[in-house]
N, C-alpha and C. Protein backbone atom coordinates (compact mmCIF):
# COMPACT_ATOMS: atom_id res chain seq x y z
N MET A 1 127.75 -71.00 -88.29
CA MET A 1 127.79 -70.89 -86.85
C MET A 1 126.38 -70.58 -86.31
N LYS A 2 125.66 -69.72 -87.01
CA LYS A 2 124.32 -69.38 -86.55
C LYS A 2 123.42 -70.61 -86.54
N GLU A 3 123.59 -71.45 -87.57
CA GLU A 3 122.78 -72.67 -87.65
C GLU A 3 123.10 -73.60 -86.49
N LEU A 4 124.36 -73.69 -86.12
CA LEU A 4 124.76 -74.54 -85.00
C LEU A 4 124.14 -74.04 -83.69
N VAL A 5 124.14 -72.74 -83.47
CA VAL A 5 123.52 -72.18 -82.27
C VAL A 5 122.02 -72.43 -82.27
N ARG A 6 121.39 -72.28 -83.43
CA ARG A 6 119.94 -72.56 -83.52
C ARG A 6 119.64 -74.01 -83.18
N PHE A 7 120.50 -74.92 -83.67
CA PHE A 7 120.28 -76.33 -83.37
C PHE A 7 120.45 -76.58 -81.87
N MET A 8 121.46 -75.99 -81.27
CA MET A 8 121.66 -76.18 -79.82
C MET A 8 120.46 -75.67 -79.02
N LEU A 9 119.93 -74.53 -79.40
CA LEU A 9 118.75 -74.01 -78.72
C LEU A 9 117.54 -74.93 -78.94
N TYR A 10 117.42 -75.45 -80.15
CA TYR A 10 116.34 -76.40 -80.45
C TYR A 10 116.45 -77.62 -79.55
N ARG A 11 117.65 -78.16 -79.41
CA ARG A 11 117.83 -79.35 -78.57
C ARG A 11 117.56 -79.04 -77.10
N LEU A 12 117.90 -77.85 -76.65
CA LEU A 12 117.58 -77.47 -75.27
C LEU A 12 116.07 -77.45 -75.06
N GLU A 13 115.34 -76.97 -76.05
CA GLU A 13 113.88 -76.90 -75.95
C GLU A 13 113.21 -78.26 -76.11
N HIS A 14 113.85 -79.18 -76.85
CA HIS A 14 113.25 -80.48 -77.16
C HIS A 14 114.03 -81.63 -76.55
N HIS A 15 114.68 -81.38 -75.47
CA HIS A 15 115.52 -82.39 -74.82
C HIS A 15 114.77 -82.99 -73.65
N GLU A 16 114.73 -84.30 -73.62
CA GLU A 16 114.00 -84.95 -72.53
C GLU A 16 114.88 -85.14 -71.30
N GLN A 17 115.99 -85.86 -71.45
CA GLN A 17 116.88 -86.07 -70.31
C GLN A 17 118.19 -86.67 -70.78
N GLY A 18 119.20 -86.62 -69.91
CA GLY A 18 120.49 -87.20 -70.22
C GLY A 18 121.30 -86.36 -71.18
N ALA A 19 122.45 -86.90 -71.54
CA ALA A 19 123.36 -86.21 -72.45
C ALA A 19 123.08 -86.65 -73.88
N GLU A 20 123.35 -85.75 -74.81
CA GLU A 20 123.17 -86.04 -76.22
C GLU A 20 124.46 -85.71 -76.96
N LEU A 21 124.73 -86.46 -77.99
CA LEU A 21 125.92 -86.23 -78.81
C LEU A 21 125.50 -86.28 -80.28
N TYR A 22 125.79 -85.21 -81.01
CA TYR A 22 125.41 -85.12 -82.42
C TYR A 22 126.62 -84.74 -83.26
N ASN A 23 126.68 -85.28 -84.48
CA ASN A 23 127.57 -84.76 -85.51
C ASN A 23 126.74 -83.66 -86.19
N CYS A 24 127.14 -82.44 -86.02
CA CYS A 24 126.36 -81.33 -86.58
C CYS A 24 126.80 -81.07 -88.01
N THR A 25 126.15 -81.78 -88.91
CA THR A 25 126.45 -81.67 -90.32
C THR A 25 125.18 -81.90 -91.14
N PHE A 26 125.22 -81.44 -92.35
CA PHE A 26 124.14 -81.75 -93.28
C PHE A 26 124.19 -83.24 -93.57
N GLU A 27 123.06 -83.78 -93.96
CA GLU A 27 123.01 -85.20 -94.35
C GLU A 27 122.44 -85.29 -95.75
N PRO A 28 123.19 -85.80 -96.69
CA PRO A 28 124.53 -86.35 -96.53
C PRO A 28 125.56 -85.23 -96.39
N ALA A 29 126.67 -85.54 -95.74
CA ALA A 29 127.73 -84.56 -95.52
C ALA A 29 128.35 -84.17 -96.87
N TYR A 30 128.77 -82.93 -96.96
CA TYR A 30 129.41 -82.44 -98.18
C TYR A 30 130.86 -82.92 -98.25
N THR A 31 131.34 -83.14 -99.46
CA THR A 31 132.74 -83.52 -99.66
C THR A 31 133.60 -82.26 -99.61
N ILE A 32 134.90 -82.45 -99.45
CA ILE A 32 135.82 -81.31 -99.46
C ILE A 32 135.69 -80.57 -100.79
N GLU A 33 135.56 -81.32 -101.88
CA GLU A 33 135.42 -80.69 -103.20
C GLU A 33 134.16 -79.83 -103.26
N GLN A 34 133.04 -80.31 -102.74
CA GLN A 34 131.80 -79.53 -102.74
C GLN A 34 131.94 -78.28 -101.87
N ILE A 35 132.60 -78.41 -100.74
CA ILE A 35 132.81 -77.27 -99.85
C ILE A 35 133.65 -76.20 -100.55
N VAL A 36 134.74 -76.62 -101.18
CA VAL A 36 135.61 -75.67 -101.90
C VAL A 36 134.84 -74.99 -103.02
N GLU A 37 134.10 -75.75 -103.80
CA GLU A 37 133.35 -75.16 -104.92
C GLU A 37 132.29 -74.18 -104.42
N THR A 38 131.64 -74.49 -103.31
CA THR A 38 130.65 -73.57 -102.75
C THR A 38 131.32 -72.29 -102.26
N MET A 39 132.46 -72.41 -101.59
CA MET A 39 133.17 -71.22 -101.12
C MET A 39 133.63 -70.37 -102.30
N LYS A 40 134.11 -71.01 -103.36
CA LYS A 40 134.52 -70.27 -104.56
C LYS A 40 133.32 -69.52 -105.16
N LYS A 41 132.19 -70.19 -105.25
CA LYS A 41 131.00 -69.58 -105.84
C LYS A 41 130.56 -68.37 -105.03
N VAL A 42 130.47 -68.54 -103.71
CA VAL A 42 129.99 -67.46 -102.84
C VAL A 42 130.93 -66.26 -102.85
N THR A 43 132.23 -66.53 -102.85
CA THR A 43 133.20 -65.43 -102.77
C THR A 43 133.60 -64.87 -104.13
N GLY A 44 133.14 -65.52 -105.19
CA GLY A 44 133.47 -65.04 -106.54
C GLY A 44 134.87 -65.42 -106.99
N LEU A 45 135.50 -66.36 -106.33
CA LEU A 45 136.84 -66.80 -106.71
C LEU A 45 136.77 -67.58 -108.01
N LYS A 46 137.53 -67.16 -109.00
CA LYS A 46 137.52 -67.81 -110.31
C LYS A 46 138.71 -68.74 -110.50
N LYS A 47 139.71 -68.63 -109.66
CA LYS A 47 140.93 -69.42 -109.79
C LYS A 47 140.62 -70.90 -109.63
N GLY A 48 141.20 -71.71 -110.50
CA GLY A 48 141.03 -73.15 -110.40
C GLY A 48 141.84 -73.72 -109.25
N ILE A 49 141.28 -74.68 -108.58
CA ILE A 49 141.97 -75.35 -107.49
C ILE A 49 142.08 -76.81 -107.90
N PRO A 50 143.31 -77.30 -108.03
CA PRO A 50 143.47 -78.67 -108.53
C PRO A 50 142.98 -79.71 -107.53
N LEU A 51 142.43 -80.77 -108.07
CA LEU A 51 142.02 -81.91 -107.27
C LEU A 51 143.13 -82.94 -107.38
N ILE A 52 143.81 -83.19 -106.27
CA ILE A 52 144.94 -84.12 -106.27
C ILE A 52 144.45 -85.45 -105.70
N PRO A 53 144.53 -86.52 -106.47
CA PRO A 53 144.03 -87.81 -106.00
C PRO A 53 144.86 -88.34 -104.83
N ALA A 54 144.21 -89.14 -103.99
CA ALA A 54 144.86 -89.70 -102.80
C ALA A 54 146.08 -90.52 -103.15
N TRP A 55 146.05 -91.23 -104.29
CA TRP A 55 147.18 -92.08 -104.66
C TRP A 55 148.43 -91.25 -104.97
N VAL A 56 148.26 -89.95 -105.24
CA VAL A 56 149.40 -89.05 -105.42
C VAL A 56 149.73 -88.37 -104.09
N LEU A 57 148.71 -87.95 -103.39
CA LEU A 57 148.88 -87.18 -102.16
C LEU A 57 149.58 -87.95 -101.05
N MET A 58 149.18 -89.18 -100.82
CA MET A 58 149.74 -89.96 -99.71
C MET A 58 151.23 -90.24 -99.88
N PRO A 59 151.69 -90.75 -101.03
CA PRO A 59 153.14 -90.96 -101.18
C PRO A 59 153.93 -89.66 -101.12
N THR A 60 153.36 -88.59 -101.67
CA THR A 60 154.03 -87.28 -101.62
C THR A 60 154.19 -86.83 -100.17
N ALA A 61 153.16 -87.01 -99.36
CA ALA A 61 153.24 -86.65 -97.94
C ALA A 61 154.31 -87.47 -97.24
N ALA A 62 154.44 -88.74 -97.60
CA ALA A 62 155.45 -89.60 -96.99
C ALA A 62 156.86 -89.10 -97.33
N VAL A 63 157.07 -88.74 -98.60
CA VAL A 63 158.39 -88.24 -99.02
C VAL A 63 158.70 -86.91 -98.33
N ILE A 64 157.73 -86.01 -98.31
CA ILE A 64 157.93 -84.71 -97.66
C ILE A 64 158.21 -84.91 -96.18
N GLY A 65 157.49 -85.82 -95.54
CA GLY A 65 157.71 -86.11 -94.13
C GLY A 65 159.10 -86.63 -93.87
N CYS A 66 159.60 -87.51 -94.74
CA CYS A 66 160.96 -88.06 -94.59
C CYS A 66 162.03 -86.99 -94.78
N LEU A 67 161.71 -85.96 -95.54
CA LEU A 67 162.67 -84.88 -95.76
C LEU A 67 162.67 -83.86 -94.63
N GLY A 68 161.85 -84.11 -93.61
CA GLY A 68 161.81 -83.23 -92.45
C GLY A 68 161.03 -81.96 -92.68
N ALA A 69 159.85 -82.09 -93.25
CA ALA A 69 159.01 -80.93 -93.54
C ALA A 69 158.76 -80.12 -92.27
N PRO A 70 158.98 -78.81 -92.32
CA PRO A 70 158.81 -77.97 -91.13
C PRO A 70 157.37 -77.88 -90.63
N MET A 71 156.39 -78.17 -91.48
CA MET A 71 155.00 -78.04 -91.08
C MET A 71 154.43 -79.34 -90.54
N GLY A 72 155.25 -80.36 -90.37
CA GLY A 72 154.78 -81.63 -89.84
C GLY A 72 153.90 -82.39 -90.80
N ILE A 73 154.16 -82.25 -92.10
CA ILE A 73 153.37 -82.97 -93.09
C ILE A 73 153.76 -84.45 -93.02
N CYS A 74 152.76 -85.30 -92.87
CA CYS A 74 152.99 -86.73 -92.83
C CYS A 74 151.72 -87.43 -93.31
N PRO A 75 151.82 -88.68 -93.74
CA PRO A 75 150.64 -89.38 -94.25
C PRO A 75 149.46 -89.40 -93.28
N ALA A 76 149.72 -89.55 -91.98
CA ALA A 76 148.62 -89.61 -91.00
C ALA A 76 147.83 -88.31 -90.99
N ARG A 77 148.51 -87.18 -91.02
CA ARG A 77 147.81 -85.88 -91.02
C ARG A 77 147.06 -85.64 -92.32
N VAL A 78 147.69 -86.02 -93.42
CA VAL A 78 147.04 -85.84 -94.72
C VAL A 78 145.77 -86.69 -94.77
N LYS A 79 145.86 -87.94 -94.32
CA LYS A 79 144.68 -88.82 -94.32
C LYS A 79 143.58 -88.24 -93.44
N LYS A 80 143.95 -87.70 -92.27
CA LYS A 80 142.96 -87.10 -91.36
C LYS A 80 142.23 -85.95 -92.07
N LEU A 81 142.97 -85.12 -92.79
CA LEU A 81 142.34 -84.02 -93.52
C LEU A 81 141.44 -84.55 -94.64
N MET A 82 141.87 -85.62 -95.28
CA MET A 82 141.10 -86.16 -96.40
C MET A 82 139.77 -86.75 -95.93
N ILE A 83 139.72 -87.29 -94.73
CA ILE A 83 138.48 -87.94 -94.26
C ILE A 83 137.74 -87.11 -93.22
N SER A 84 138.20 -85.88 -92.96
CA SER A 84 137.59 -85.07 -91.90
C SER A 84 136.13 -84.73 -92.17
N THR A 85 135.70 -84.75 -93.42
CA THR A 85 134.30 -84.47 -93.71
C THR A 85 133.49 -85.76 -93.84
N ASN A 86 134.10 -86.89 -93.56
CA ASN A 86 133.43 -88.17 -93.69
C ASN A 86 132.68 -88.50 -92.39
N ILE A 87 131.65 -87.71 -92.11
CA ILE A 87 130.86 -87.90 -90.89
C ILE A 87 129.39 -88.06 -91.28
N CYS A 88 128.64 -88.59 -90.37
CA CYS A 88 127.24 -88.91 -90.64
C CYS A 88 126.32 -87.97 -89.85
N GLY A 89 125.38 -87.35 -90.53
CA GLY A 89 124.44 -86.45 -89.90
C GLY A 89 123.04 -87.02 -89.76
N LYS A 90 122.92 -88.34 -89.84
CA LYS A 90 121.58 -88.96 -89.79
C LYS A 90 120.87 -88.69 -88.47
N LYS A 91 121.59 -88.70 -87.36
CA LYS A 91 120.95 -88.47 -86.07
C LYS A 91 120.38 -87.05 -86.00
N LEU A 92 121.15 -86.06 -86.48
CA LEU A 92 120.65 -84.69 -86.50
C LEU A 92 119.46 -84.60 -87.44
N SER A 93 119.56 -85.24 -88.60
CA SER A 93 118.48 -85.22 -89.58
C SER A 93 117.19 -85.80 -88.99
N ALA A 94 117.32 -86.81 -88.15
CA ALA A 94 116.15 -87.46 -87.55
C ALA A 94 115.65 -86.76 -86.29
N SER A 95 116.34 -85.69 -85.86
CA SER A 95 116.00 -85.01 -84.60
C SER A 95 114.75 -84.14 -84.69
N GLY A 96 114.30 -83.86 -85.92
CA GLY A 96 113.17 -82.97 -86.09
C GLY A 96 113.56 -81.53 -86.37
N TYR A 97 114.84 -81.22 -86.24
CA TYR A 97 115.32 -79.86 -86.51
C TYR A 97 115.29 -79.58 -88.01
N LYS A 98 114.81 -78.40 -88.37
CA LYS A 98 114.77 -77.98 -89.77
C LYS A 98 115.80 -76.88 -89.97
N PHE A 99 116.72 -77.11 -90.89
CA PHE A 99 117.75 -76.11 -91.18
C PHE A 99 117.12 -74.81 -91.68
N HIS A 100 117.67 -73.69 -91.22
CA HIS A 100 117.22 -72.38 -91.68
C HIS A 100 117.96 -71.95 -92.94
N TYR A 101 119.17 -72.46 -93.12
CA TYR A 101 120.03 -72.11 -94.25
C TYR A 101 120.38 -73.37 -95.04
N SER A 102 120.47 -73.23 -96.35
CA SER A 102 121.11 -74.28 -97.14
C SER A 102 122.61 -74.12 -96.89
N PHE A 103 123.42 -75.07 -97.33
CA PHE A 103 124.86 -74.94 -97.14
C PHE A 103 125.38 -73.67 -97.82
N GLU A 104 124.97 -73.44 -99.06
CA GLU A 104 125.42 -72.25 -99.79
C GLU A 104 124.97 -70.97 -99.09
N GLU A 105 123.74 -70.94 -98.60
CA GLU A 105 123.24 -69.75 -97.89
C GLU A 105 124.03 -69.51 -96.61
N ALA A 106 124.42 -70.57 -95.91
CA ALA A 106 125.19 -70.43 -94.68
C ALA A 106 126.56 -69.83 -94.98
N ILE A 107 127.21 -70.31 -96.05
CA ILE A 107 128.52 -69.77 -96.42
C ILE A 107 128.38 -68.31 -96.85
N ALA A 108 127.33 -67.99 -97.60
CA ALA A 108 127.09 -66.61 -98.05
C ALA A 108 126.85 -65.69 -96.85
N ASP A 109 126.11 -66.17 -95.86
CA ASP A 109 125.86 -65.38 -94.65
C ASP A 109 127.15 -65.14 -93.88
N TRP A 110 127.98 -66.15 -93.78
CA TRP A 110 129.28 -66.04 -93.11
C TRP A 110 130.15 -65.01 -93.83
N TYR A 111 130.18 -65.09 -95.17
CA TYR A 111 130.95 -64.14 -95.98
C TYR A 111 130.42 -62.72 -95.77
N LYS A 112 129.10 -62.57 -95.77
CA LYS A 112 128.48 -61.25 -95.54
C LYS A 112 128.86 -60.70 -94.16
N ASP A 113 128.89 -61.56 -93.15
CA ASP A 113 129.27 -61.14 -91.79
C ASP A 113 130.71 -60.64 -91.73
N ASN A 114 131.51 -61.00 -92.72
CA ASN A 114 132.90 -60.54 -92.80
C ASN A 114 133.07 -59.48 -93.89
N ASP A 115 132.01 -58.70 -94.09
CA ASP A 115 132.00 -57.59 -95.04
C ASP A 115 132.36 -58.00 -96.48
N ASN A 116 132.04 -59.25 -96.83
CA ASN A 116 132.32 -59.78 -98.17
C ASN A 116 133.80 -59.64 -98.55
N LEU A 117 134.67 -59.74 -97.55
CA LEU A 117 136.11 -59.63 -97.80
C LEU A 117 136.84 -60.96 -97.67
N TYR A 118 136.38 -61.81 -96.79
CA TYR A 118 137.05 -63.09 -96.51
C TYR A 118 136.12 -63.98 -95.69
N LEU A 119 136.53 -65.23 -95.54
CA LEU A 119 135.83 -66.17 -94.66
C LEU A 119 136.74 -66.41 -93.47
N LYS A 120 136.42 -65.77 -92.37
CA LYS A 120 137.28 -65.87 -91.18
C LYS A 120 136.56 -66.62 -90.09
C-alpha cells in the first residue's frame, strides 16, 4: 500500500495533463503461486499449499455450482480468480518510477505493520 501511495504522489509530481490509467503492478506481474510462496516465506508458514491445476479446478467448480454451493462457486468466478494476476505493468515500468520495495520487502513491511501476526 505504501508503494502505491508513493507511485500516486510521483505521478502527481510528474504529470503533464489529462487523465492517466495504470495497472499498478510489478513487471512482470507475479503469479498466484509466487505470491503465496512469498507470503509463506515472510510469515514463516511451513504448511504446504497444494497447487490444483485448472483442468481439475474448473470441472470441480462446475459440479459444486450445480449442487447449489452456498458461496456462489462457479466456473466464471474460479476463472476470474485464476487470471486476476494476469495484468501488465509495462506502462508503470516505463513511467520512470523506481520501486522503493521489492515484492518480498513490501509483504514483509505489511506483515510488520500488523505486528507480525497476520496480513490484514
